[in-house]
Amino acid sequence: MSGATTRGVLFVHSSPRALCPHIEWAAGNVLGRRVSLDWTDQPAGASVLRAELSWTGPQGTGAKLASGLRGWAHLRYEVTEEASPGADGSRWSHTPGLGIFHAATDVHGNVVVPEDRIRSVLEHADPRQMRDALDLALGTAWDAELEPFRYAGAGAPVRWLHEVG
């Protein structure tokens, strides 16, 4: 593939054991190679596992990974993609109850809310609606649900995969 290369991380925060091989297959399908993750117990959830995969590939790989995992019941995950020439960074967050959330990110991983979205909220919303609209734009509900799973994963092993060719 031609074009800019970027890198990112797939964080599987919680997965039932039965889904683990399917997640590896889906990630491998996107990355074009076999993926074998180091699954560890997820202390924040009963009978679920967690894993992380650092990857390098063409722009858009993060979106493909997020789409490849979307919709599986009982799966919590995040995908990050760093900014690269001509493309902003991105983060996708998924929970069973909320579905998927996407946001552009800056070089530090902070969510970037577009100016027009903020202007629209300021123009059309009362203070309560403004807070709700900004919470949605920032993915606050996804962060609240995923935070206990993120914290529980501190110090987990990470494996780097590099795009070849």
N, C-alpha and C. Protein backbone atom coordinates (compact mmCIF):
# COMPACT_ATOMS: atom_id res chain seq x y z
N MET A 1 0.83 -1.18 0.00
CA MET A 1 0.00 0.00 0.00
C MET A 1 0.87 1.24 0.00
N SER A 2 0.47 2.24 -0.75
CA SER A 2 1.20 3.49 -0.75
C SER A 2 0.54 4.47 0.20
N GLY A 3 1.21 5.59 0.44
CA GLY A 3 0.64 6.60 1.34
C GLY A 3 1.40 6.65 2.64
N ALA A 4 0.96 7.57 3.49
CA ALA A 4 1.63 7.79 4.77
C ALA A 4 1.42 6.60 5.71
N THR A 5 2.42 6.38 6.53
CA THR A 5 2.36 5.33 7.53
C THR A 5 2.10 5.98 8.88
N THR A 6 1.38 5.28 9.70
CA THR A 6 1.09 5.75 11.05
C THR A 6 1.20 4.56 12.00
N ARG A 7 0.95 4.81 13.25
CA ARG A 7 0.94 3.72 14.22
C ARG A 7 -0.13 3.99 15.25
N GLY A 8 -0.43 2.97 16.03
CA GLY A 8 -1.45 3.10 17.05
C GLY A 8 -1.48 1.88 17.93
N VAL A 9 -2.53 1.82 18.74
CA VAL A 9 -2.67 0.71 19.68
C VAL A 9 -4.12 0.24 19.68
N LEU A 10 -4.30 -1.06 19.69
CA LEU A 10 -5.59 -1.69 19.93
C LEU A 10 -5.59 -2.12 21.38
N PHE A 11 -6.50 -1.56 22.16
CA PHE A 11 -6.67 -1.95 23.56
C PHE A 11 -7.96 -2.76 23.65
N VAL A 12 -7.86 -4.04 23.90
CA VAL A 12 -9.05 -4.84 24.19
C VAL A 12 -9.16 -4.83 25.71
N HIS A 13 -10.11 -4.04 26.20
CA HIS A 13 -10.24 -3.86 27.65
C HIS A 13 -10.94 -5.04 28.31
N SER A 14 -11.92 -5.62 27.63
CA SER A 14 -12.56 -6.82 28.19
C SER A 14 -13.21 -7.61 27.08
N SER A 15 -12.92 -8.90 27.11
CA SER A 15 -13.47 -9.83 26.13
C SER A 15 -13.75 -11.17 26.80
N PRO A 16 -14.89 -11.76 26.50
CA PRO A 16 -15.10 -13.14 26.95
C PRO A 16 -14.05 -14.05 26.27
N ARG A 17 -13.64 -15.07 26.96
CA ARG A 17 -12.62 -15.98 26.44
C ARG A 17 -12.97 -16.50 25.04
N ALA A 18 -14.24 -16.81 24.82
CA ALA A 18 -14.67 -17.39 23.53
C ALA A 18 -14.45 -16.43 22.36
N LEU A 19 -14.41 -15.13 22.61
CA LEU A 19 -14.21 -14.16 21.52
C LEU A 19 -12.75 -13.93 21.18
N CYS A 20 -11.84 -14.30 22.05
CA CYS A 20 -10.42 -13.97 21.87
C CYS A 20 -9.86 -14.43 20.52
N PRO A 21 -10.08 -15.67 20.08
CA PRO A 21 -9.54 -16.06 18.78
C PRO A 21 -10.17 -15.27 17.62
N HIS A 22 -11.42 -14.88 17.77
CA HIS A 22 -12.09 -14.11 16.73
C HIS A 22 -11.51 -12.70 16.63
N ILE A 23 -11.15 -12.13 17.78
CA ILE A 23 -10.52 -10.81 17.81
C ILE A 23 -9.16 -10.89 17.14
N GLU A 24 -8.39 -11.92 17.44
CA GLU A 24 -7.08 -12.09 16.81
C GLU A 24 -7.22 -12.25 15.30
N TRP A 25 -8.21 -13.02 14.87
CA TRP A 25 -8.45 -13.21 13.44
C TRP A 25 -8.83 -11.89 12.78
N ALA A 26 -9.73 -11.13 13.40
CA ALA A 26 -10.17 -9.85 12.83
C ALA A 26 -9.01 -8.87 12.72
N ALA A 27 -8.20 -8.76 13.78
CA ALA A 27 -7.04 -7.86 13.75
C ALA A 27 -6.04 -8.33 12.70
N GLY A 28 -5.80 -9.61 12.64
CA GLY A 28 -4.87 -10.15 11.64
C GLY A 28 -5.36 -9.90 10.22
N ASN A 29 -6.65 -10.00 10.02
CA ASN A 29 -7.23 -9.75 8.70
C ASN A 29 -6.96 -8.30 8.27
N VAL A 30 -7.12 -7.35 9.18
CA VAL A 30 -6.86 -5.94 8.88
C VAL A 30 -5.37 -5.70 8.65
N LEU A 31 -4.53 -6.29 9.50
CA LEU A 31 -3.09 -6.03 9.44
C LEU A 31 -2.37 -6.87 8.38
N GLY A 32 -3.06 -7.87 7.84
CA GLY A 32 -2.47 -8.68 6.79
C GLY A 32 -1.46 -9.70 7.28
N ARG A 33 -1.58 -10.11 8.52
CA ARG A 33 -0.67 -11.10 9.09
C ARG A 33 -1.34 -11.78 10.28
N ARG A 34 -0.80 -12.91 10.69
CA ARG A 34 -1.33 -13.61 11.86
C ARG A 34 -1.08 -12.79 13.11
N VAL A 35 -2.09 -12.67 13.97
CA VAL A 35 -1.97 -11.95 15.23
C VAL A 35 -2.25 -12.92 16.37
N SER A 36 -1.35 -12.96 17.32
CA SER A 36 -1.52 -13.76 18.53
C SER A 36 -1.29 -12.84 19.72
N LEU A 37 -2.36 -12.53 20.43
CA LEU A 37 -2.28 -11.58 21.55
C LEU A 37 -1.94 -12.29 22.85
N ASP A 38 -1.32 -11.55 23.76
CA ASP A 38 -1.04 -12.04 25.11
C ASP A 38 -2.22 -11.67 25.99
N TRP A 39 -3.14 -12.59 26.18
CA TRP A 39 -4.35 -12.35 26.96
C TRP A 39 -4.05 -12.51 28.44
N THR A 40 -4.54 -11.55 29.23
CA THR A 40 -4.40 -11.62 30.68
C THR A 40 -5.76 -11.39 31.31
N ASP A 41 -5.90 -11.84 32.54
CA ASP A 41 -7.16 -11.61 33.26
C ASP A 41 -7.41 -10.11 33.40
N GLN A 42 -8.66 -9.73 33.30
CA GLN A 42 -9.07 -8.33 33.49
C GLN A 42 -9.66 -8.23 34.89
N PRO A 43 -8.93 -7.64 35.83
CA PRO A 43 -9.42 -7.56 37.20
C PRO A 43 -10.71 -6.75 37.36
N ALA A 44 -11.03 -5.88 36.41
CA ALA A 44 -12.22 -5.04 36.53
C ALA A 44 -13.50 -5.76 36.10
N GLY A 45 -13.38 -6.99 35.61
CA GLY A 45 -14.58 -7.71 35.17
C GLY A 45 -14.45 -9.19 35.46
N ALA A 46 -15.59 -9.80 35.72
CA ALA A 46 -15.60 -11.24 36.02
C ALA A 46 -15.51 -12.05 34.73
N SER A 47 -14.60 -13.00 34.70
CA SER A 47 -14.47 -13.95 33.59
C SER A 47 -14.21 -13.28 32.25
N VAL A 48 -13.46 -12.18 32.24
CA VAL A 48 -13.08 -11.54 30.98
C VAL A 48 -11.57 -11.36 30.93
N LEU A 49 -11.06 -11.23 29.71
CA LEU A 49 -9.64 -11.08 29.48
C LEU A 49 -9.37 -9.74 28.81
N ARG A 50 -8.10 -9.34 28.83
CA ARG A 50 -7.68 -8.09 28.20
C ARG A 50 -6.39 -8.34 27.42
N ALA A 51 -6.13 -7.48 26.44
CA ALA A 51 -4.89 -7.56 25.66
C ALA A 51 -4.65 -6.22 24.98
N GLU A 52 -3.40 -6.01 24.58
CA GLU A 52 -3.02 -4.80 23.85
C GLU A 52 -2.16 -5.19 22.67
N LEU A 53 -2.31 -4.43 21.59
CA LEU A 53 -1.52 -4.68 20.39
C LEU A 53 -1.12 -3.33 19.81
N SER A 54 0.18 -3.05 19.78
CA SER A 54 0.68 -1.87 19.10
C SER A 54 0.93 -2.24 17.65
N TRP A 55 0.54 -1.35 16.75
CA TRP A 55 0.63 -1.66 15.33
C TRP A 55 1.21 -0.47 14.56
N THR A 56 1.75 -0.75 13.39
CA THR A 56 2.20 0.25 12.43
C THR A 56 1.61 -0.14 11.09
N GLY A 57 1.07 0.86 10.37
CA GLY A 57 0.47 0.56 9.07
C GLY A 57 0.05 1.82 8.36
N PRO A 58 -0.62 1.68 7.24
CA PRO A 58 -1.06 2.85 6.48
C PRO A 58 -2.16 3.62 7.19
N GLN A 59 -2.29 4.91 6.84
CA GLN A 59 -3.39 5.71 7.38
C GLN A 59 -4.70 4.96 7.17
N GLY A 60 -5.58 5.03 8.16
CA GLY A 60 -6.86 4.36 8.06
C GLY A 60 -6.89 2.99 8.72
N THR A 61 -5.74 2.48 9.13
CA THR A 61 -5.70 1.16 9.77
C THR A 61 -6.52 1.17 11.06
N GLY A 62 -6.46 2.25 11.82
CA GLY A 62 -7.24 2.33 13.06
C GLY A 62 -8.72 2.20 12.80
N ALA A 63 -9.22 2.89 11.78
CA ALA A 63 -10.64 2.80 11.43
C ALA A 63 -11.02 1.39 11.02
N LYS A 64 -10.14 0.73 10.29
CA LYS A 64 -10.42 -0.66 9.87
C LYS A 64 -10.43 -1.60 11.06
N LEU A 65 -9.52 -1.41 12.00
CA LEU A 65 -9.53 -2.25 13.20
C LEU A 65 -10.81 -2.04 14.00
N ALA A 66 -11.18 -0.77 14.21
CA ALA A 66 -12.40 -0.47 14.98
C ALA A 66 -13.63 -1.06 14.30
N SER A 67 -13.70 -0.94 12.99
CA SER A 67 -14.85 -1.49 12.25
C SER A 67 -14.87 -3.01 12.29
N GLY A 68 -13.69 -3.62 12.25
CA GLY A 68 -13.61 -5.07 12.27
C GLY A 68 -14.09 -5.69 13.57
N LEU A 69 -14.05 -4.92 14.67
CA LEU A 69 -14.46 -5.43 15.98
C LEU A 69 -15.84 -4.93 16.41
N ARG A 70 -16.38 -4.01 15.67
CA ARG A 70 -17.63 -3.35 16.04
C ARG A 70 -18.80 -4.33 16.09
N GLY A 71 -19.62 -4.15 17.13
CA GLY A 71 -20.88 -4.88 17.20
C GLY A 71 -20.85 -6.19 17.96
N TRP A 72 -19.69 -6.64 18.42
CA TRP A 72 -19.66 -7.88 19.18
C TRP A 72 -20.12 -7.61 20.61
N ALA A 73 -21.09 -8.39 21.04
CA ALA A 73 -21.62 -8.24 22.40
C ALA A 73 -20.53 -8.52 23.43
N HIS A 74 -20.58 -7.82 24.53
CA HIS A 74 -19.69 -8.03 25.69
C HIS A 74 -18.24 -7.65 25.43
N LEU A 75 -17.96 -6.91 24.36
CA LEU A 75 -16.59 -6.51 24.03
C LEU A 75 -16.40 -5.02 24.28
N ARG A 76 -15.36 -4.70 25.05
CA ARG A 76 -14.97 -3.31 25.29
C ARG A 76 -13.58 -3.12 24.70
N TYR A 77 -13.44 -2.11 23.83
CA TYR A 77 -12.13 -1.89 23.24
C TYR A 77 -11.96 -0.43 22.85
N GLU A 78 -10.70 -0.07 22.63
CA GLU A 78 -10.35 1.23 22.07
C GLU A 78 -9.25 1.01 21.03
N VAL A 79 -9.29 1.84 20.02
CA VAL A 79 -8.25 1.85 18.99
C VAL A 79 -7.76 3.28 18.89
N THR A 80 -6.45 3.45 18.88
CA THR A 80 -5.88 4.77 18.64
C THR A 80 -5.07 4.73 17.35
N GLU A 81 -5.04 5.87 16.68
CA GLU A 81 -4.19 6.04 15.50
C GLU A 81 -3.54 7.41 15.62
N GLU A 82 -2.22 7.45 15.58
CA GLU A 82 -1.50 8.70 15.70
C GLU A 82 -1.67 9.55 14.45
N ALA A 83 -1.52 10.86 14.62
CA ALA A 83 -1.54 11.76 13.48
C ALA A 83 -0.39 11.43 12.55
N SER A 84 -0.60 11.65 11.26
CA SER A 84 0.43 11.42 10.26
C SER A 84 0.26 12.50 9.19
N PRO A 85 1.20 12.64 8.29
CA PRO A 85 1.08 13.70 7.28
C PRO A 85 -0.27 13.64 6.55
N GLY A 86 -1.03 14.73 6.66
CA GLY A 86 -2.32 14.82 5.98
C GLY A 86 -3.49 14.22 6.74
N ALA A 87 -3.27 13.73 7.96
CA ALA A 87 -4.37 13.10 8.72
C ALA A 87 -4.23 13.39 10.21
N ASP A 88 -5.36 13.72 10.84
CA ASP A 88 -5.38 13.90 12.29
C ASP A 88 -5.25 12.55 12.98
N GLY A 89 -4.92 12.58 14.25
CA GLY A 89 -4.98 11.37 15.05
C GLY A 89 -6.44 11.04 15.33
N SER A 90 -6.71 9.82 15.75
CA SER A 90 -8.08 9.39 16.03
C SER A 90 -8.11 8.42 17.19
N ARG A 91 -9.29 8.37 17.81
CA ARG A 91 -9.54 7.35 18.85
C ARG A 91 -10.96 6.85 18.65
N TRP A 92 -11.10 5.53 18.68
CA TRP A 92 -12.40 4.87 18.64
C TRP A 92 -12.58 4.13 19.95
N SER A 93 -13.72 4.31 20.58
CA SER A 93 -14.03 3.62 21.84
C SER A 93 -15.32 2.85 21.64
N HIS A 94 -15.37 1.63 22.17
CA HIS A 94 -16.57 0.81 22.01
C HIS A 94 -16.92 0.15 23.34
N THR A 95 -18.20 0.22 23.68
CA THR A 95 -18.73 -0.54 24.83
C THR A 95 -20.00 -1.24 24.37
N PRO A 96 -20.36 -2.33 25.04
CA PRO A 96 -21.57 -3.05 24.64
C PRO A 96 -22.84 -2.19 24.71
N GLY A 97 -22.95 -1.37 25.75
CA GLY A 97 -24.16 -0.59 25.93
C GLY A 97 -24.23 0.70 25.12
N LEU A 98 -23.07 1.28 24.81
CA LEU A 98 -23.04 2.57 24.12
C LEU A 98 -22.73 2.47 22.64
N GLY A 99 -22.16 1.36 22.20
CA GLY A 99 -21.74 1.26 20.81
C GLY A 99 -20.39 1.92 20.62
N ILE A 100 -20.20 2.49 19.42
CA ILE A 100 -18.89 3.02 19.08
C ILE A 100 -18.89 4.55 19.08
N PHE A 101 -17.76 5.13 19.51
CA PHE A 101 -17.54 6.57 19.53
C PHE A 101 -16.23 6.85 18.81
N HIS A 102 -16.22 7.87 17.98
CA HIS A 102 -14.99 8.28 17.29
C HIS A 102 -14.73 9.75 17.54
N ALA A 103 -13.46 10.09 17.71
CA ALA A 103 -13.07 11.49 17.84
C ALA A 103 -11.68 11.69 17.24
N ALA A 104 -11.47 12.87 16.67
CA ALA A 104 -10.13 13.28 16.27
C ALA A 104 -9.35 13.60 17.54
N THR A 105 -8.03 13.39 17.49
CA THR A 105 -7.19 13.65 18.66
C THR A 105 -5.98 14.50 18.26
N ASP A 106 -5.43 15.21 19.26
CA ASP A 106 -4.21 15.97 19.03
C ASP A 106 -3.00 15.08 19.31
N VAL A 107 -1.81 15.67 19.27
CA VAL A 107 -0.58 14.88 19.44
C VAL A 107 -0.45 14.27 20.83
N HIS A 108 -1.22 14.78 21.80
CA HIS A 108 -1.18 14.24 23.16
C HIS A 108 -2.30 13.24 23.42
N GLY A 109 -3.15 12.99 22.43
CA GLY A 109 -4.26 12.06 22.60
C GLY A 109 -5.53 12.71 23.11
N ASN A 110 -5.54 14.04 23.24
CA ASN A 110 -6.75 14.75 23.69
C ASN A 110 -7.76 14.80 22.56
N VAL A 111 -9.04 14.68 22.90
CA VAL A 111 -10.11 14.79 21.92
C VAL A 111 -10.17 16.23 21.42
N VAL A 112 -10.30 16.38 20.11
CA VAL A 112 -10.42 17.69 19.48
C VAL A 112 -11.85 17.84 18.98
N VAL A 113 -12.54 18.87 19.47
CA VAL A 113 -13.92 19.13 19.05
C VAL A 113 -13.88 20.23 18.00
N PRO A 114 -14.45 19.98 16.82
CA PRO A 114 -14.41 20.98 15.75
C PRO A 114 -15.09 22.29 16.13
N GLU A 115 -14.53 23.37 15.64
CA GLU A 115 -15.02 24.71 15.93
C GLU A 115 -16.51 24.86 15.60
N ASP A 116 -16.94 24.38 14.46
CA ASP A 116 -18.35 24.53 14.07
C ASP A 116 -19.29 23.80 15.02
N ARG A 117 -18.85 22.69 15.56
CA ARG A 117 -19.69 21.97 16.52
C ARG A 117 -19.85 22.79 17.80
N ILE A 118 -18.78 23.38 18.25
CA ILE A 118 -18.85 24.21 19.46
C ILE A 118 -19.72 25.44 19.21
N ARG A 119 -19.53 26.09 18.07
CA ARG A 119 -20.34 27.27 17.75
C ARG A 119 -21.83 26.93 17.72
N SER A 120 -22.18 25.79 17.14
CA SER A 120 -23.57 25.38 17.07
C SER A 120 -24.16 25.17 18.47
N VAL A 121 -23.40 24.54 19.34
CA VAL A 121 -23.86 24.33 20.71
C VAL A 121 -24.06 25.67 21.42
N LEU A 122 -23.11 26.57 21.27
CA LEU A 122 -23.21 27.88 21.91
C LEU A 122 -24.43 28.67 21.40
N GLU A 123 -24.73 28.49 20.13
CA GLU A 123 -25.81 29.25 19.51
C GLU A 123 -27.19 28.70 19.85
N HIS A 124 -27.33 27.40 20.00
CA HIS A 124 -28.66 26.78 20.08
C HIS A 124 -29.00 26.11 21.39
N ALA A 125 -28.12 26.10 22.35
CA ALA A 125 -28.36 25.30 23.54
C ALA A 125 -28.47 26.15 24.80
N ASP A 126 -29.36 25.69 25.69
CA ASP A 126 -29.37 26.28 27.03
C ASP A 126 -28.22 25.62 27.81
N PRO A 127 -27.93 26.08 29.02
CA PRO A 127 -26.76 25.54 29.74
C PRO A 127 -26.79 24.01 29.91
N ARG A 128 -27.95 23.42 30.21
CA ARG A 128 -28.01 21.95 30.39
C ARG A 128 -27.78 21.23 29.06
N GLN A 129 -28.41 21.73 28.00
CA GLN A 129 -28.21 21.13 26.68
C GLN A 129 -26.76 21.29 26.22
N MET A 130 -26.15 22.43 26.59
CA MET A 130 -24.76 22.67 26.23
C MET A 130 -23.85 21.63 26.88
N ARG A 131 -24.08 21.37 28.14
CA ARG A 131 -23.27 20.37 28.83
C ARG A 131 -23.46 18.98 28.21
N ASP A 132 -24.71 18.62 27.93
CA ASP A 132 -24.99 17.32 27.30
C ASP A 132 -24.32 17.20 25.93
N ALA A 133 -24.40 18.28 25.13
CA ALA A 133 -23.81 18.26 23.79
C ALA A 133 -22.29 18.16 23.86
N LEU A 134 -21.67 18.87 24.79
CA LEU A 134 -20.22 18.80 24.93
C LEU A 134 -19.78 17.46 25.50
N ASP A 135 -20.56 16.90 26.43
CA ASP A 135 -20.25 15.56 26.95
C ASP A 135 -20.28 14.54 25.81
N LEU A 136 -21.26 14.65 24.93
CA LEU A 136 -21.34 13.75 23.78
C LEU A 136 -20.15 13.94 22.85
N ALA A 137 -19.79 15.19 22.57
CA ALA A 137 -18.66 15.49 21.68
C ALA A 137 -17.35 14.97 22.23
N LEU A 138 -17.23 14.96 23.54
CA LEU A 138 -15.99 14.50 24.19
C LEU A 138 -15.98 13.00 24.48
N GLY A 139 -17.13 12.33 24.32
CA GLY A 139 -17.19 10.90 24.60
C GLY A 139 -17.17 10.60 26.09
N THR A 140 -17.73 11.48 26.89
CA THR A 140 -17.69 11.35 28.34
C THR A 140 -18.28 10.03 28.84
N ALA A 141 -19.39 9.61 28.27
CA ALA A 141 -20.02 8.35 28.72
C ALA A 141 -19.11 7.16 28.43
N TRP A 142 -18.41 7.16 27.30
CA TRP A 142 -17.50 6.05 26.96
C TRP A 142 -16.32 6.06 27.93
N ASP A 143 -15.77 7.24 28.19
CA ASP A 143 -14.65 7.32 29.14
C ASP A 143 -15.07 6.82 30.52
N ALA A 144 -16.26 7.19 30.97
CA ALA A 144 -16.72 6.76 32.29
C ALA A 144 -16.84 5.25 32.38
N GLU A 145 -17.36 4.63 31.32
CA GLU A 145 -17.50 3.17 31.35
C GLU A 145 -16.17 2.45 31.20
N LEU A 146 -15.26 3.00 30.40
CA LEU A 146 -13.99 2.31 30.13
C LEU A 146 -12.91 2.57 31.17
N GLU A 147 -13.01 3.64 31.94
CA GLU A 147 -11.93 4.00 32.86
C GLU A 147 -11.55 2.89 33.84
N PRO A 148 -12.50 2.20 34.47
CA PRO A 148 -12.08 1.11 35.38
C PRO A 148 -11.30 0.00 34.64
N PHE A 149 -11.63 -0.22 33.37
CA PHE A 149 -10.94 -1.24 32.60
C PHE A 149 -9.57 -0.76 32.15
N ARG A 150 -9.43 0.52 31.86
CA ARG A 150 -8.12 1.09 31.52
C ARG A 150 -7.18 1.00 32.70
N TYR A 151 -7.66 1.40 33.85
CA TYR A 151 -6.84 1.41 35.06
C TYR A 151 -6.36 0.00 35.40
N ALA A 152 -7.22 -0.96 35.24
CA ALA A 152 -6.87 -2.34 35.56
C ALA A 152 -5.81 -2.89 34.62
N GLY A 153 -5.65 -2.27 33.46
CA GLY A 153 -4.68 -2.75 32.49
C GLY A 153 -3.30 -2.13 32.61
N ALA A 154 -3.08 -1.28 33.59
CA ALA A 154 -1.77 -0.63 33.74
C ALA A 154 -0.67 -1.67 33.87
N GLY A 155 0.36 -1.52 33.07
CA GLY A 155 1.50 -2.42 33.14
C GLY A 155 1.35 -3.68 32.32
N ALA A 156 0.31 -3.79 31.52
CA ALA A 156 0.10 -4.99 30.70
C ALA A 156 1.12 -5.03 29.56
N PRO A 157 1.45 -6.22 29.08
CA PRO A 157 2.42 -6.32 27.99
C PRO A 157 1.86 -5.76 26.69
N VAL A 158 2.74 -5.19 25.88
CA VAL A 158 2.38 -4.63 24.57
C VAL A 158 3.28 -5.27 23.53
N ARG A 159 2.73 -5.66 22.39
CA ARG A 159 3.50 -6.24 21.30
C ARG A 159 3.41 -5.32 20.08
N TRP A 160 4.55 -4.98 19.49
CA TRP A 160 4.58 -4.12 18.30
C TRP A 160 4.55 -4.97 17.03
N LEU A 161 3.72 -4.58 16.07
CA LEU A 161 3.71 -5.20 14.75
C LEU A 161 3.98 -4.11 13.73
N HIS A 162 4.86 -4.38 12.76
CA HIS A 162 5.22 -3.38 11.77
C HIS A 162 4.69 -3.79 10.41
N GLU A 163 4.18 -2.81 9.67
CA GLU A 163 3.72 -3.04 8.30
C GLU A 163 4.92 -3.35 7.43
N VAL A 164 4.82 -4.37 6.62
CA VAL A 164 5.89 -4.75 5.73
C VAL A 164 5.44 -4.53 4.29
N GLY A 165 6.32 -4.01 3.47
CA GLY A 165 6.01 -3.88 2.05
C GLY A 165 5.29 -2.67 1.76
